[in-house]
Protein backbone atom coordinates (compact mmCIF):
# COMPACT_ATOMS: atom_id res chain seq x y z
CA UNK A 1 92.48 73.85 105.89
CA UNK A 2 93.25 77.28 104.56
CA UNK A 3 92.21 79.75 107.23
CA UNK A 4 92.46 82.53 104.70
CA UNK A 5 89.75 80.89 102.60
CA UNK A 6 90.06 78.15 99.97
CA UNK A 7 91.15 78.84 96.42
CA UNK A 8 87.60 78.64 95.01
CA UNK A 9 85.78 79.97 98.08
CA UNK A 10 83.72 83.08 97.31
CA UNK A 11 82.39 84.67 100.51
CA UNK A 12 79.85 86.77 98.60
CA UNK A 13 78.00 83.65 97.42
CA UNK A 14 77.78 82.35 100.98
CA UNK A 15 76.39 85.73 102.06
CA UNK A 16 73.79 85.70 99.27
CA UNK A 17 72.61 82.22 100.23
CA UNK A 18 72.20 83.17 103.89
CA UNK A 19 70.90 86.71 103.36
CA UNK A 20 68.11 87.76 105.74
CA UNK A 21 65.24 89.64 104.10
CA UNK A 22 64.80 91.84 107.17
CA UNK A 23 68.24 93.39 106.48
CA UNK A 24 67.22 94.57 103.01
CA UNK A 25 65.65 97.97 103.95
CA UNK A 26 68.68 98.95 106.04
CA UNK A 27 71.18 97.86 103.38
CA UNK A 28 69.30 99.74 100.64
CA UNK A 29 69.12 102.93 102.70
CA UNK A 30 72.77 102.70 103.76
CA UNK A 31 73.87 102.08 100.17
CA UNK A 32 72.04 105.12 98.83
CA UNK A 33 73.38 107.38 101.57
CA UNK A 34 76.87 106.02 101.04
CA UNK A 35 76.70 106.65 97.27
CA UNK A 36 76.02 110.37 97.82
CA UNK A 37 79.25 110.61 99.81
CA UNK A 38 81.35 108.38 97.54
CA UNK A 39 80.82 110.44 94.38
CA UNK A 40 82.48 113.70 95.50
CA UNK A 41 84.99 111.86 97.65
CA UNK A 42 86.06 109.58 94.80
CA UNK A 43 86.47 112.56 92.49
CA UNK A 44 88.49 114.43 95.12
CA UNK A 45 90.89 111.55 95.68
CA UNK A 46 91.32 111.10 91.93
CA UNK A 47 92.45 114.71 91.63
CA UNK A 48 94.78 114.15 94.58
CA UNK A 49 96.50 111.43 92.54
CA UNK A 50 96.70 113.77 89.57
CA UNK A 51 94.14 111.76 87.58
CA UNK A 52 90.81 112.77 85.96
CA UNK A 53 87.88 112.84 88.45
CA UNK A 54 86.00 110.02 86.76
CA UNK A 55 88.81 107.55 87.52
CA UNK A 56 87.98 107.95 91.21
CA UNK A 57 84.43 106.85 90.48
CA UNK A 58 85.61 103.88 88.42
CA UNK A 59 87.85 102.87 91.33
CA UNK A 60 84.98 103.26 93.78
CA UNK A 61 82.65 101.01 91.80
CA UNK A 62 85.31 98.34 91.25
CA UNK A 63 86.37 98.27 94.90
CA UNK A 64 82.80 98.03 96.21
CA UNK A 65 81.76 95.26 93.82
CA UNK A 66 84.94 93.20 94.20
CA UNK A 67 84.87 93.33 97.98
CA UNK A 68 81.16 92.45 98.03
CA UNK A 69 82.06 89.23 96.20
CA UNK A 70 85.40 88.33 97.75
CA UNK A 71 85.46 90.18 101.09
CA UNK A 72 84.90 88.44 104.40
CA UNK A 73 83.86 91.44 106.51
CA UNK A 74 80.13 92.20 106.38
CA UNK A 75 80.43 96.00 106.80
CA UNK A 76 83.87 97.04 105.52
CA UNK A 77 83.89 99.65 102.70
CA UNK A 78 86.74 99.85 100.19
CA UNK A 79 87.50 102.69 97.81
CA UNK A 80 90.01 105.41 96.86
CA UNK A 81 92.06 106.34 99.91
CA UNK A 82 93.76 109.59 100.84
CA UNK A 83 96.73 107.78 102.39
CA UNK A 84 97.46 105.92 99.13
CA UNK A 85 96.84 108.79 96.71
CA UNK A 86 100.17 110.57 97.31
CA UNK A 87 102.02 107.31 96.70
CA UNK A 88 100.12 106.72 93.46
CA UNK A 89 100.93 110.27 92.36
CA UNK A 90 104.61 109.87 93.25
CA UNK A 91 104.85 106.71 91.12
CA UNK A 92 102.65 107.64 88.16
CA UNK A 93 103.07 111.35 87.47
CA UNK A 94 106.85 111.34 86.84
CA UNK A 95 106.38 108.48 84.34
CA UNK A 96 103.42 110.18 82.62
CA UNK A 97 105.37 113.44 82.06
CA UNK A 98 102.23 115.56 81.80
CA UNK A 99 100.14 113.24 79.62
CA UNK A 100 96.76 112.61 81.36
CA UNK A 101 95.92 109.58 79.21
CA UNK A 102 99.27 108.00 79.96
CA UNK A 103 98.77 108.71 83.68
CA UNK A 104 95.47 106.79 83.65
CA UNK A 105 97.07 103.78 81.95
CA UNK A 106 100.02 103.78 84.35
CA UNK A 107 97.74 104.09 87.39
CA UNK A 108 95.63 101.19 86.14
CA UNK A 109 98.75 99.06 85.65
CA UNK A 110 99.92 100.04 89.13
CA UNK A 111 96.58 98.89 90.54
CA UNK A 112 96.79 95.59 88.70
CA UNK A 113 100.29 94.87 89.98
CA UNK A 114 99.31 95.89 93.52
CA UNK A 115 96.35 93.53 93.32
CA UNK A 116 98.49 90.64 92.12
CA UNK A 117 100.94 91.19 94.98
CA UNK A 118 98.10 91.22 97.54
CA UNK A 119 96.55 88.13 95.97
CA UNK A 120 99.82 86.19 96.00
CA UNK A 121 100.49 87.32 99.57
CA UNK A 122 97.09 86.00 100.63
CA UNK A 123 97.58 82.58 99.03
CA UNK A 124 101.14 82.38 100.35
CA UNK A 125 99.80 83.22 103.83
CA UNK A 126 102.05 86.23 104.17
CA UNK A 127 99.63 88.24 106.28
CA UNK A 128 102.38 88.74 108.84
CA UNK A 129 104.24 91.12 106.50
CA UNK A 130 102.01 93.91 107.77
CA UNK A 131 103.89 93.61 111.05
CA UNK A 132 106.93 95.15 109.36
CA UNK A 133 105.38 98.49 110.27
CA UNK A 134 105.28 98.91 114.04
CA UNK A 135 102.63 101.16 115.58
CA UNK A 136 104.90 104.17 116.27
CA UNK A 137 106.36 104.04 112.77
CA UNK A 138 102.91 103.62 111.23
CA UNK A 139 101.65 106.64 113.20
CA UNK A 140 104.57 108.74 111.98
CA UNK A 141 104.17 107.57 108.39
CA UNK A 142 100.44 108.36 108.27
CA UNK A 143 100.95 111.71 109.98
CA UNK A 144 103.53 112.50 107.31
CA UNK A 145 101.05 111.49 104.61
CA UNK A 146 98.47 113.78 106.21
CA UNK A 147 100.83 116.74 105.98
CA UNK A 148 101.76 115.87 102.37
CA UNK A 149 98.06 115.66 101.45
CA UNK A 150 97.25 118.96 103.17
CA UNK A 151 100.09 120.90 101.54
CA UNK A 152 99.42 119.38 98.09
CA UNK A 153 95.81 120.62 98.16
CA UNK A 154 96.45 124.13 99.50
CA UNK A 155 97.07 125.76 96.09
CA UNK A 156 93.86 124.32 94.60
CA UNK A 157 91.92 125.30 97.73
CA UNK A 158 93.18 128.87 97.31
CA UNK A 159 92.33 129.03 93.62
CA UNK A 160 95.74 128.83 91.93
CA UNK A 161 98.32 126.24 90.89
CA UNK A 162 102.03 125.95 91.56
CA UNK A 163 104.86 124.21 89.73
CA UNK A 164 106.66 122.20 92.41
CA UNK A 165 107.77 118.59 92.82
CA UNK A 166 108.33 118.13 96.55
CA UNK A 167 106.18 118.83 99.58
CA UNK A 168 108.49 121.52 100.93
CA UNK A 169 108.84 123.23 97.55
CA UNK A 170 105.05 123.15 97.17
CA UNK A 171 104.66 124.83 100.55
CA UNK A 172 107.22 127.51 99.68
CA UNK A 173 105.60 128.16 96.29
CA UNK A 174 102.18 128.37 97.93
CA UNK A 175 103.37 130.92 100.48
CA UNK A 176 104.94 133.02 97.70
CA UNK A 177 101.72 132.92 95.67
CA UNK A 178 99.71 134.03 98.70
CA UNK A 179 102.13 136.90 99.34
CA UNK A 180 101.88 137.92 95.67
CA UNK A 181 98.10 138.15 95.91
CA UNK A 182 97.20 135.19 93.68
CA UNK A 183 94.47 133.87 96.00
CA UNK A 184 91.01 133.67 94.41
CA UNK A 185 88.66 134.91 97.14
CA UNK A 186 85.69 132.83 95.96
CA UNK A 187 87.78 129.64 95.97
CA UNK A 188 89.02 130.42 99.47
CA UNK A 189 85.45 130.94 100.68
CA UNK A 190 84.29 127.64 99.17
CA UNK A 191 87.25 125.82 100.74
CA UNK A 192 86.81 127.28 104.21
CA UNK A 193 83.04 126.73 104.25
CA UNK A 194 83.45 123.14 102.99
CA UNK A 195 85.92 122.29 105.74
CA UNK A 196 83.70 123.95 108.35
CA UNK A 197 80.57 122.12 107.19
CA UNK A 198 82.34 118.75 107.22
CA UNK A 199 83.99 119.26 110.60
CA UNK A 200 80.95 120.77 112.34
CA UNK A 201 78.66 118.04 110.98
CA UNK A 202 81.09 115.40 112.16
CA UNK A 203 81.07 116.84 115.68
CA UNK A 204 77.32 117.47 115.97
CA UNK A 205 75.98 114.54 113.93
CA UNK A 206 78.75 111.95 113.34
CA UNK A 207 76.56 109.87 111.04
CA UNK A 208 75.32 112.75 108.91
CA UNK A 209 76.71 113.16 105.33
CA UNK A 210 78.68 116.37 105.86
CA UNK A 211 80.43 115.99 102.51
CA UNK A 212 77.08 115.85 100.71
CA UNK A 213 75.92 119.00 102.49
CA UNK A 214 79.12 120.80 101.49
CA UNK A 215 78.75 119.70 97.85
CA UNK A 216 75.11 120.83 97.67
CA UNK A 217 76.02 124.15 99.28
CA UNK A 218 78.90 124.69 96.84
CA UNK A 219 76.73 123.94 93.80
CA UNK A 220 74.08 126.31 95.12
CA UNK A 221 76.69 129.02 95.73
CA UNK A 222 78.10 128.76 92.20
CA UNK A 223 74.61 128.93 90.69
CA UNK A 224 73.29 131.75 92.89
CA UNK A 225 76.32 134.03 92.54
CA UNK A 226 77.06 133.01 88.92
CA UNK A 227 80.64 131.95 89.74
CA UNK A 228 81.10 129.30 87.04
CA UNK A 229 83.62 131.48 85.23
CA UNK A 230 85.24 132.83 88.39
CA UNK A 231 86.32 129.62 90.11
CA UNK A 232 87.64 126.48 88.47
CA UNK A 233 84.98 123.78 88.32
CA UNK A 234 85.08 120.03 87.76
CA UNK A 235 83.17 119.99 84.49
CA UNK A 236 81.02 117.22 83.07
CA UNK A 237 82.24 113.65 83.44
CA UNK A 238 82.48 111.22 80.51
CA UNK A 239 79.11 109.50 80.12
CA UNK A 240 78.87 105.74 80.47
CA UNK A 241 80.49 102.89 82.34
CA UNK A 242 84.26 102.52 82.18
CA UNK A 243 85.79 100.41 79.44
CA UNK A 244 87.28 97.10 80.57
CA UNK A 245 90.74 96.12 79.37
CA UNK A 246 94.35 95.43 80.26
CA UNK A 247 96.52 98.55 80.49
CA UNK A 248 99.62 98.44 78.30
CA UNK A 249 102.79 100.06 79.60
CA UNK A 250 106.41 100.18 78.49
CA UNK A 251 108.72 97.54 79.90
CA UNK A 252 111.03 100.32 81.09
CA UNK A 253 108.27 101.60 83.39
CA UNK A 254 107.56 98.22 84.98
CA UNK A 255 110.45 98.37 87.45
CA UNK A 256 109.16 101.64 88.93
CA UNK A 257 105.57 100.39 88.94
CA UNK A 258 106.48 97.12 90.69
CA UNK A 259 108.51 98.92 93.36
CA UNK A 260 105.64 101.33 94.00
CA UNK A 261 103.13 98.46 94.01
CA UNK A 262 104.99 96.67 96.81
CA UNK A 263 104.79 99.81 98.94
CA UNK A 264 101.12 100.31 98.13
CA UNK A 265 100.34 96.66 98.88
CA UNK A 266 102.05 96.90 102.25
CA UNK A 267 100.29 100.10 103.32
CA UNK A 268 96.84 99.16 101.98
CA UNK A 269 97.11 95.63 103.37
CA UNK A 270 98.09 96.92 106.82
CA UNK A 271 95.22 99.44 106.87
CA UNK A 272 92.63 97.01 105.52
CA UNK A 273 93.65 94.17 107.81
CA UNK A 274 93.63 96.37 110.92
CA UNK A 275 90.29 97.99 110.09
CA UNK A 276 88.69 94.68 109.12
CA UNK A 277 89.81 93.06 112.38
CA UNK A 278 88.45 95.99 114.41
CA UNK A 279 85.11 95.93 112.59
CA UNK A 280 84.87 92.14 112.95
CA UNK A 281 85.37 92.37 116.70
CA UNK A 282 82.79 95.14 116.92
CA UNK A 283 80.19 93.25 114.87
CA UNK A 284 80.92 89.84 116.31
CA UNK A 285 82.32 88.49 113.03
CA UNK A 286 85.66 87.04 112.03
CA UNK A 287 88.48 88.41 109.92
CA UNK A 288 91.76 86.81 108.84
CA UNK A 289 94.67 88.75 107.30
CA UNK A 290 95.18 86.27 104.47
CA UNK A 291 91.52 86.38 103.43
CA UNK A 292 91.59 90.17 103.48
CA UNK A 293 94.74 90.16 101.33
CA UNK A 294 92.91 88.11 98.69
CA UNK A 295 89.86 90.37 98.75
CA UNK A 296 92.05 93.46 98.55
CA UNK A 297 93.90 91.87 95.64
CA UNK A 298 90.64 91.23 93.80
CA UNK A 299 89.52 94.84 94.36
CA UNK A 300 92.76 96.26 93.01
CA UNK A 301 92.81 93.93 90.01
CA UNK A 302 89.25 94.88 89.02
CA UNK A 303 90.11 98.56 89.57
CA UNK A 304 93.07 98.19 87.24
CA UNK A 305 90.88 96.60 84.57
CA UNK A 306 88.40 99.52 84.58
CA UNK A 307 90.85 102.46 84.42
CA UNK A 308 90.98 102.85 88.19
CA UNK A 309 93.88 103.16 90.62
CA UNK A 310 94.98 101.33 93.80
CA UNK A 311 92.41 101.12 96.58
CA UNK A 312 92.17 100.33 100.27
CA UNK A 313 89.70 100.14 103.14
CA UNK A 314 88.25 103.39 104.45
CA UNK A 315 87.48 103.93 108.12
CA UNK A 316 85.39 107.06 107.43
CA UNK A 317 83.20 105.43 104.77
CA UNK A 318 82.86 102.25 106.83
CA UNK A 319 81.78 104.37 109.82
CA UNK A 320 79.18 106.17 107.69
CA UNK A 321 77.79 102.89 106.36
CA UNK A 322 77.50 101.45 109.87
CA UNK A 323 75.98 104.64 111.27
CA UNK A 324 73.13 104.55 108.76
CA UNK A 325 72.34 100.90 109.39
CA UNK A 326 74.47 98.79 107.00
CA UNK A 327 74.15 95.10 107.74
CA UNK A 328 75.92 93.34 104.85
CA UNK A 329 77.98 93.92 101.73
CA UNK A 330 74.75 94.51 99.80
CA UNK A 331 75.27 98.09 100.99
CA UNK A 332 78.39 98.29 98.83
CA UNK A 333 76.56 96.83 95.81
CA UNK A 334 73.78 99.41 96.15
CA UNK A 335 76.32 102.23 96.53
CA UNK A 336 78.20 101.04 93.45
CA UNK A 337 74.95 100.97 91.49
CA UNK A 338 74.24 104.54 92.60
CA UNK A 339 77.63 105.76 91.41
CA UNK A 340 77.20 103.91 88.09
CA UNK A 341 73.75 105.43 87.65
CA UNK A 342 75.21 108.92 87.87
CA UNK A 343 77.90 108.04 85.31
CA UNK A 344 75.29 106.60 82.94
CA UNK A 345 72.45 109.11 83.23
CA UNK A 346 73.68 112.23 85.02
CA UNK A 347 77.37 112.82 84.22
CA UNK A 348 76.87 116.59 84.30
CA UNK A 349 75.29 116.58 87.75
CA UNK A 350 78.46 117.93 89.41
CA UNK A 351 79.83 119.88 86.45
CA UNK A 352 79.69 123.20 88.34
CA UNK A 353 81.26 121.85 91.52
CA UNK A 354 84.28 124.03 92.40
CA UNK A 355 87.64 122.28 92.37
CA UNK A 356 88.29 124.15 95.61
CA UNK A 357 85.48 122.14 97.22
CA UNK A 358 87.12 118.88 96.18
CA UNK A 359 90.44 120.11 97.58
CA UNK A 360 88.72 120.98 100.85
CA UNK A 361 87.21 117.47 101.03
CA UNK A 362 90.71 116.03 100.75
CA UNK A 363 92.04 118.50 103.32
CA UNK A 364 89.31 117.36 105.72
CA UNK A 365 90.43 113.77 105.13
CA UNK A 366 93.98 114.75 106.09
CA UNK A 367 92.63 115.85 109.48
CA UNK A 368 91.30 112.32 109.97
CA UNK A 369 94.61 110.72 108.99
CA UNK A 370 96.67 112.89 111.34
CA UNK A 371 96.70 111.43 114.85
CA UNK A 372 98.05 114.04 117.23
CA UNK A 373 96.63 112.20 120.27
CA UNK A 374 98.76 109.15 119.49
CA UNK A 375 101.87 111.31 119.13
CA UNK A 376 101.30 112.92 122.53
CA UNK A 377 100.68 109.49 124.03
CA UNK A 378 103.96 108.16 122.62
CA UNK A 379 105.80 111.17 124.05
CA UNK A 380 104.35 110.54 127.49
CA UNK A 381 104.81 106.77 127.67
CA UNK A 382 107.91 105.98 125.60
CA UNK A 383 110.22 108.65 124.26
CA UNK A 384 112.26 106.19 122.17
CA UNK A 385 109.16 105.17 120.18
CA UNK A 386 108.16 108.82 119.85
CA UNK A 387 111.53 109.43 118.17
CA UNK A 388 110.86 106.51 115.80
CA UNK A 389 107.50 108.02 114.93
CA UNK A 390 109.10 111.43 114.39
CA UNK A 391 111.77 109.91 112.13
CA UNK A 392 109.14 108.22 109.98
CA UNK A 393 107.15 111.48 109.81
CA UNK A 394 110.15 113.56 108.74
CA UNK A 395 111.15 110.95 106.17
CA UNK A 396 107.79 111.20 104.43
CA UNK A 397 107.60 115.01 104.53
CA UNK A 398 111.21 115.87 103.64
CA UNK A 399 112.36 112.87 101.58
CA UNK A 400 109.22 111.60 99.86
CA UNK A 401 106.24 109.29 100.26
CA UNK A 402 107.83 106.37 98.40
CA UNK A 403 111.12 106.73 100.21
CA UNK A 404 109.10 107.19 103.39
CA UNK A 405 107.80 103.61 103.12
CA UNK A 406 111.37 102.30 103.01
CA UNK A 407 112.37 104.58 105.88
CA UNK A 408 109.38 103.37 107.91
CA UNK A 409 110.25 99.70 107.38
CA UNK A 410 113.95 100.28 108.14
CA UNK A 411 113.07 102.15 111.33
CA UNK A 412 110.75 99.34 112.45
CA UNK A 413 113.40 96.69 111.85
CA UNK A 414 116.11 98.83 113.43
CA UNK A 415 113.97 99.26 116.54
CA UNK A 416 113.47 95.49 116.73
CA UNK A 417 117.20 94.85 116.39
CA UNK A 418 117.96 97.54 118.99
CA UNK A 419 115.69 95.87 121.51
CA UNK A 420 117.02 92.40 120.75
CA UNK A 421 120.61 93.68 120.83
CA UNK A 422 120.31 94.91 124.39
CA UNK A 423 117.43 92.94 125.93
CA UNK A 424 116.29 93.32 129.48
CA UNK A 425 118.08 91.14 131.99
CA UNK A 426 118.08 90.92 135.75
CA UNK A 427 119.76 89.30 138.72
CA UNK A 428 116.98 87.61 140.66
CA UNK A 429 116.50 87.61 144.44
CA UNK A 430 113.94 86.51 147.02
CA UNK A 431 111.57 89.15 148.39
CA UNK A 432 109.77 88.65 151.69
CA UNK A 433 106.00 88.48 151.23
CA UNK A 434 106.21 87.87 147.46
CA UNK A 435 106.15 84.54 145.68
CA UNK A 436 108.82 83.70 143.18
CA UNK A 437 112.07 85.50 142.38
CA UNK A 438 112.35 89.16 141.42
CA UNK A 439 114.60 91.77 139.81
CA UNK A 440 117.24 92.92 142.31
CA UNK A 441 117.25 96.48 140.92
CA UNK A 442 113.50 96.80 141.44
CA UNK A 443 113.72 95.19 144.87
CA UNK A 444 116.98 96.24 146.53
CA UNK A 445 115.61 94.88 149.81
CA UNK A 446 115.60 91.37 148.30
CA UNK A 447 117.77 88.55 149.61
CA UNK A 448 120.25 86.61 147.51
CA UNK A 449 120.54 82.84 147.82
CA UNK A 450 123.89 81.95 149.43
CA UNK A 451 126.33 80.67 146.84
CA UNK A 452 123.87 81.04 143.95
CA UNK A 453 123.78 83.71 141.22
CA UNK A 454 120.48 83.76 139.30
CA UNK A 455 120.42 85.62 135.97
CA UNK A 456 117.29 86.09 133.87
CA UNK A 457 117.90 86.87 130.20
CA UNK A 458 114.75 88.06 128.38
CA UNK A 459 115.51 87.30 124.73
CA UNK A 460 116.68 84.61 122.32
CA UNK A 461 120.45 84.17 122.49
CA UNK A 462 121.67 85.08 119.01
CA UNK A 463 124.59 86.75 117.25
CA UNK A 464 123.60 90.32 118.14
CA UNK A 465 123.13 89.90 121.88
CA UNK A 466 125.21 86.83 122.73
CA UNK A 467 128.35 88.88 123.52
CA UNK A 468 126.17 91.05 125.79
CA UNK A 469 125.08 87.91 127.64
CA UNK A 470 128.69 86.81 128.10
CA UNK A 471 129.84 90.23 129.34
CA UNK A 472 126.87 90.54 131.68
CA UNK A 473 127.57 87.23 133.37
CA UNK A 474 131.27 88.01 133.64
CA UNK A 475 130.57 91.44 135.20
CA UNK A 476 128.12 89.96 137.72
CA UNK A 477 130.69 87.36 138.82
CA UNK A 478 133.49 89.93 139.02
CA UNK A 479 131.33 92.34 140.99
CA UNK A 480 129.87 89.80 143.37
CA UNK A 481 130.60 90.63 147.00
CA UNK A 482 129.81 87.09 148.18
CA UNK A 483 131.13 83.65 147.33
CA UNK A 484 129.43 82.00 144.35
CA UNK A 485 129.33 78.26 143.74
CA UNK A 486 126.73 78.02 141.00
CA UNK A 487 125.33 80.16 138.19
CA UNK A 488 121.66 79.63 137.29
CA UNK A 489 120.22 81.13 134.10
CA UNK A 490 116.44 81.58 134.08
CA UNK A 491 115.83 80.67 130.44
CA UNK A 492 112.05 80.78 130.03
CA UNK A 493 112.41 83.79 127.67
CA UNK A 494 115.28 82.24 125.69
CA UNK A 495 113.35 80.89 122.72
CA UNK A 496 116.40 80.09 120.56
CA UNK A 497 120.17 79.83 120.68
CA UNK A 498 121.99 80.25 117.38
CA UNK A 499 125.56 79.14 116.62
CA UNK A 500 127.03 82.43 117.80
CA UNK A 501 125.05 82.10 121.02
CA UNK A 502 126.41 78.56 121.40
CA UNK A 503 129.96 79.84 120.87
CA UNK A 504 129.52 82.46 123.60
CA UNK A 505 127.97 79.83 125.88
CA UNK A 506 131.06 77.64 125.40
CA UNK A 507 133.19 80.60 126.51
CA UNK A 508 130.98 81.09 129.57
CA UNK A 509 131.28 77.41 130.52
CA UNK A 510 135.06 77.52 130.07
CA UNK A 511 135.24 80.57 132.32
CA UNK A 512 133.11 78.89 134.97
CA UNK A 513 135.27 75.78 134.82
CA UNK A 514 138.33 77.93 135.55
CA UNK A 515 136.50 79.42 138.51
CA UNK A 516 135.33 75.95 139.65
CA UNK A 517 131.70 77.01 139.40
CA UNK A 518 128.79 74.91 138.17
CA UNK A 519 126.17 76.03 135.66
CA UNK A 520 122.45 75.31 135.28
CA UNK A 521 119.39 76.35 133.27
CA UNK A 522 115.85 76.77 134.62
CA UNK A 523 112.69 76.79 132.48
CA UNK A 524 114.48 76.22 129.18
CA UNK A 525 112.06 75.03 126.48
CA UNK A 526 112.37 71.66 124.74
CA UNK A 527 113.24 73.00 121.27
CA UNK A 528 116.08 75.07 122.77
CA UNK A 529 117.39 72.00 124.59
CA UNK A 530 117.35 70.20 121.24
CA UNK A 531 119.54 72.98 119.84
CA UNK A 532 122.00 72.52 122.69
CA UNK A 533 122.09 68.78 122.00
CA UNK A 534 122.89 69.47 118.35
CA UNK A 535 125.73 71.79 119.44
CA UNK A 536 127.08 69.16 121.89
CA UNK A 537 126.44 71.46 124.88
CA UNK A 538 123.56 69.60 126.51
CA UNK A 539 125.77 66.75 127.71
CA UNK A 540 128.52 69.15 128.78
CA UNK A 541 126.10 71.05 131.01
CA UNK A 542 124.60 67.77 132.24
CA UNK A 543 121.01 66.63 132.13
CA UNK A 544 120.67 67.03 135.91
CA UNK A 545 121.45 70.74 135.56
CA UNK A 546 118.33 71.49 133.51
CA UNK A 547 115.50 72.34 135.90
CA UNK A 548 111.84 72.91 135.06
CA UNK A 549 111.58 75.97 137.33
CA UNK A 550 113.77 78.40 139.25
CA UNK A 551 112.27 77.07 142.47
CA UNK A 552 113.32 73.48 141.77
CA UNK A 553 116.83 74.68 140.87
CA UNK A 554 117.09 76.67 144.13
CA UNK A 555 115.88 73.64 146.11
CA UNK A 556 118.54 71.50 144.48
CA UNK A 557 121.19 74.08 145.27
CA UNK A 558 120.10 74.37 148.89
CA UNK A 559 120.32 70.63 149.36
CA UNK A 560 116.68 69.58 149.39
CA UNK A 561 117.45 67.75 146.16
CA UNK A 562 120.97 66.75 145.26
CA UNK A 563 121.74 67.37 141.58
CA UNK A 564 123.29 64.51 139.66
CA UNK A 565 126.59 65.13 137.95
């Protein structure tokens, strides 16, 4: 059984067959409300990627329809995402070299490749790859993305443009332009008011469409004050549905696109899987990473076929859909139909919308991405993980969003290796009034067992930490202020012993033989014992010296049970 869903299983068909008629009014209402938010938001995120505004709407429609058919979560909403847009821009714009048409084709190809990677990952059951990004590193990465997004939109929000390639150079150029008096006052007013409307609405009425209110207010302001020629506006969108076709790119560009697609797949998969799981728990449903990878793959593939760009799940849009009563993925279908209707019959509806308003919508999204509370929490509970988060953040801001993905993964793996390299260990003692055996450092009042040294090692014994294990045992024996006859290793946490670990263990046994001391394991798991048998160490230690618990080993040592051999 494939827990991620069979090859021909289409969740949307199962939903259609079991659809409850009483959910229809709520889904229709939620879909229409969602569509009003998705139009300006999709256009804003398209401009963030450096693409024409309509491509954001094409992406929105494709993501909603694909997930309605292939998604497993009843309320999740997919679409253009502010955390992916800087990555898309970093991959596509250098290859497009200023050609908008070429940028659209490259972004579509990038979406297709991202979708194929997600699809293959789902069928190969590689949902665990999202765990390459630990929580602290993910927090730092997304906070870095938030800063990149904010700085990239500042010039447009202030009514001018700058020629800069990096985040820091963009910030410097923006400051210079402000000092030189290049700010367009009307654009600044639209930006500030848009951010205020969105943020205030979110605080006072979390479910209210603040973005829609800001858009309506901006259109009214342009019309009332006749500002169409004063501030830059979006202009009319191309009329009609997007053309369907395979994007054609040069072979020389494929290497860059594939590398970027792997990063996009990892980030979007991690976000979608986490959000889907959270929404499933909240709604009483079920979500599996592999099924979500397939649905995300389908959404990206369809987006690539309709001149869209890579997509992901959206917590803000999902929250809006749920707040206005969404019950099933029919909400997404209705919202997609609403967006398509505007493209078909009212492409000039937002022609006079200031570009500054779109920039402010994106800036507001960056506030959502940035998680200052989590950073403060990391600082207070674990400084080492705060430093990891900070390293990931600085990598994104100062090195780049693509390089930041690599930095984030490397930091996560380095943190894992660091912990495994020097795992926690403890000499165990008895403590009056407490059951079991406890860390001597935490309980200095504890009593040692005469003649017995008990060591707990809390990690697999492998090449990186095996020498540490050997040195630790040697130091404990050398520093013991009492006679020792037996060494007992509490091995419940030792889930594996590799060949290097076996080599170190041989050295430990040789050292104990020279000291005329015996050796025993307590709580060692069956598969690890099998490893020791393969290495020829099980018989050397002696079957009688493998105990199920520390207590049984202590009893044997104290004479209540004589060990054999």
